[in-house]
Amino acid sequence: MKVLIDTSIWSLVLRRKTGSTSIINNAEKNELKELINESRVAIIGPIRQEILSGISNDKQFKILKEKLQAFEDIAIQQL
């Protein structure tokens, strides 16, 4: 089963400051790593956009955009 990862989790995991992370943050990071290793991570367009909109450095933006392409993009359907 695929798991949709929300922007708040991506933001937490992608932060550079590793010294200030709490035990809870590490648990969340480890869980996301496990889901990635199991190929269970999915993403939707608005979350992908939110993640990338927070990157002001062009080089970092391109790197992250390329890495996020590894995750399945679930289409949002209207009811």
C-alpha atoms as a PDB file:
ATOM      1  CA  MET A   1       0.000   0.000   0.000  1.00  0.00           C
ATOM      2  CA  LYS A   2       1.263   3.487  -0.902  1.00  0.00           C
ATOM      3  CA  VAL A   3       1.524   6.137   1.801  1.00  0.00           C
ATOM      4  CA  LEU A   4       0.887   9.803   1.042  1.00  0.00           C
ATOM      5  CA  ILE A   5       3.489  11.908   2.850  1.00  0.00           C
ATOM      6  CA  ASP A   6       2.327  15.378   3.888  1.00  0.00           C
ATOM      7  CA  THR A   7       4.346  18.568   3.436  1.00  0.00           C
ATOM      8  CA  SER A   8       5.038  18.865   7.168  1.00  0.00           C
ATOM      9  CA  ILE A   9       6.872  15.524   7.209  1.00  0.00           C
ATOM     10  CA  TRP A  10       8.881  16.345   4.074  1.00  0.00           C
ATOM     11  CA  SER A  11       9.812  19.700   5.589  1.00  0.00           C
ATOM     12  CA  LEU A  12      10.953  18.074   8.810  1.00  0.00           C
ATOM     13  CA  VAL A  13      13.062  15.479   7.012  1.00  0.00           C
ATOM     14  CA  LEU A  14      14.615  17.892   4.522  1.00  0.00           C
ATOM     15  CA  ARG A  15      15.826  20.378   7.131  1.00  0.00           C
ATOM     16  CA  ARG A  16      19.603  20.650   7.266  1.00  0.00           C
ATOM     17  CA  LYS A  17      19.919  21.195  11.016  1.00  0.00           C
ATOM     18  CA  THR A  18      20.591  17.736  12.381  1.00  0.00           C
ATOM     19  CA  GLY A  19      21.850  18.774  15.825  1.00  0.00           C
ATOM     20  CA  SER A  20      18.508  20.251  16.860  1.00  0.00           C
ATOM     21  CA  THR A  21      16.322  17.253  15.990  1.00  0.00           C
ATOM     22  CA  SER A  22      14.402  15.586  18.776  1.00  0.00           C
ATOM     23  CA  ILE A  23      13.837  11.890  19.346  1.00  0.00           C
ATOM     24  CA  ILE A  24      10.360  12.284  17.842  1.00  0.00           C
ATOM     25  CA  ASN A  25      11.789  13.926  14.710  1.00  0.00           C
ATOM     26  CA  ASN A  26      14.292  11.100  14.358  1.00  0.00           C
ATOM     27  CA  ALA A  27      11.497   8.533  14.636  1.00  0.00           C
ATOM     28  CA  GLU A  28       9.568  10.304  11.877  1.00  0.00           C
ATOM     29  CA  LYS A  29      12.678  10.494   9.703  1.00  0.00           C
ATOM     30  CA  ASN A  30      13.380   6.806  10.232  1.00  0.00           C
ATOM     31  CA  GLU A  31       9.801   5.882   9.367  1.00  0.00           C
ATOM     32  CA  LEU A  32       9.979   7.886   6.134  1.00  0.00           C
ATOM     33  CA  LYS A  33      13.310   6.242   5.250  1.00  0.00           C
ATOM     34  CA  GLU A  34      11.708   2.831   5.776  1.00  0.00           C
ATOM     35  CA  LEU A  35       8.741   3.740   3.566  1.00  0.00           C
ATOM     36  CA  ILE A  36      11.121   5.004   0.866  1.00  0.00           C
ATOM     37  CA  ASN A  37      13.177   1.805   1.040  1.00  0.00           C
ATOM     38  CA  GLU A  38       9.963  -0.209   0.654  1.00  0.00           C
ATOM     39  CA  SER A  39       8.895   1.941  -2.366  1.00  0.00           C
ATOM     40  CA  ARG A  40       5.682   2.856  -0.555  1.00  0.00           C
ATOM     41  CA  VAL A  41       5.909   6.671  -0.736  1.00  0.00           C
ATOM     42  CA  ALA A  42       3.475   8.607  -2.900  1.00  0.00           C
ATOM     43  CA  ILE A  43       2.980  12.333  -3.394  1.00  0.00           C
ATOM     44  CA  ILE A  44       0.363  14.640  -4.900  1.00  0.00           C
ATOM     45  CA  GLY A  45       1.007  17.718  -7.006  1.00  0.00           C
ATOM     46  CA  PRO A  46       0.076  20.307  -4.349  1.00  0.00           C
ATOM     47  CA  ILE A  47       2.452  18.737  -1.821  1.00  0.00           C
ATOM     48  CA  ARG A  48       5.254  18.560  -4.380  1.00  0.00           C
ATOM     49  CA  GLN A  49       4.611  22.239  -5.169  1.00  0.00           C
ATOM     50  CA  GLU A  50       4.651  23.244  -1.490  1.00  0.00           C
ATOM     51  CA  ILE A  51       7.945  21.442  -0.920  1.00  0.00           C
ATOM     52  CA  LEU A  52       9.618  23.036  -3.917  1.00  0.00           C
ATOM     53  CA  SER A  53       8.198  26.509  -3.286  1.00  0.00           C
ATOM     54  CA  GLY A  54      10.227  26.713  -0.080  1.00  0.00           C
ATOM     55  CA  ILE A  55      13.545  26.402  -1.935  1.00  0.00           C
ATOM     56  CA  SER A  56      15.064  29.743  -2.936  1.00  0.00           C
ATOM     57  CA  ASN A  57      18.409  28.437  -4.207  1.00  0.00           C
ATOM     58  CA  ASP A  58      18.160  27.389  -7.885  1.00  0.00           C
ATOM     59  CA  LYS A  59      20.723  24.599  -7.578  1.00  0.00           C
ATOM     60  CA  GLN A  60      19.032  23.105  -4.502  1.00  0.00           C
ATOM     61  CA  PHE A  61      15.643  23.443  -6.221  1.00  0.00           C
ATOM     62  CA  LYS A  62      16.803  21.461  -9.252  1.00  0.00           C
ATOM     63  CA  ILE A  63      18.411  18.754  -7.113  1.00  0.00           C
ATOM     64  CA  LEU A  64      15.332  18.333  -4.934  1.00  0.00           C
ATOM     65  CA  LYS A  65      12.966  18.415  -7.908  1.00  0.00           C
ATOM     66  CA  GLU A  66      14.954  15.625  -9.545  1.00  0.00           C
ATOM     67  CA  LYS A  67      14.982  13.531  -6.362  1.00  0.00           C
ATOM     68  CA  LEU A  68      11.233  13.960  -5.836  1.00  0.00           C
ATOM     69  CA  GLN A  69      10.590  12.546  -9.301  1.00  0.00           C
ATOM     70  CA  ALA A  70      11.363   9.128  -7.849  1.00  0.00           C
ATOM     71  CA  PHE A  71       8.039   9.180  -5.990  1.00  0.00           C
ATOM     72  CA  GLU A  72       4.749   8.258  -7.615  1.00  0.00           C
ATOM     73  CA  ASP A  73       2.468  11.234  -8.217  1.00  0.00           C
ATOM     74  CA  ILE A  74      -1.111  10.354  -7.311  1.00  0.00           C
ATOM     75  CA  ALA A  75      -3.686  12.155  -9.429  1.00  0.00           C
ATOM     76  CA  ILE A  76      -6.295  14.213  -7.619  1.00  0.00           C
ATOM     77  CA  GLN A  77      -9.734  13.264  -8.859  1.00  0.00           C
ATOM     78  CA  GLN A  78     -12.894  15.305  -8.641  1.00  0.00           C
ATOM     79  CA  LEU A  79     -15.973  13.635  -7.227  1.00  0.00           C
END
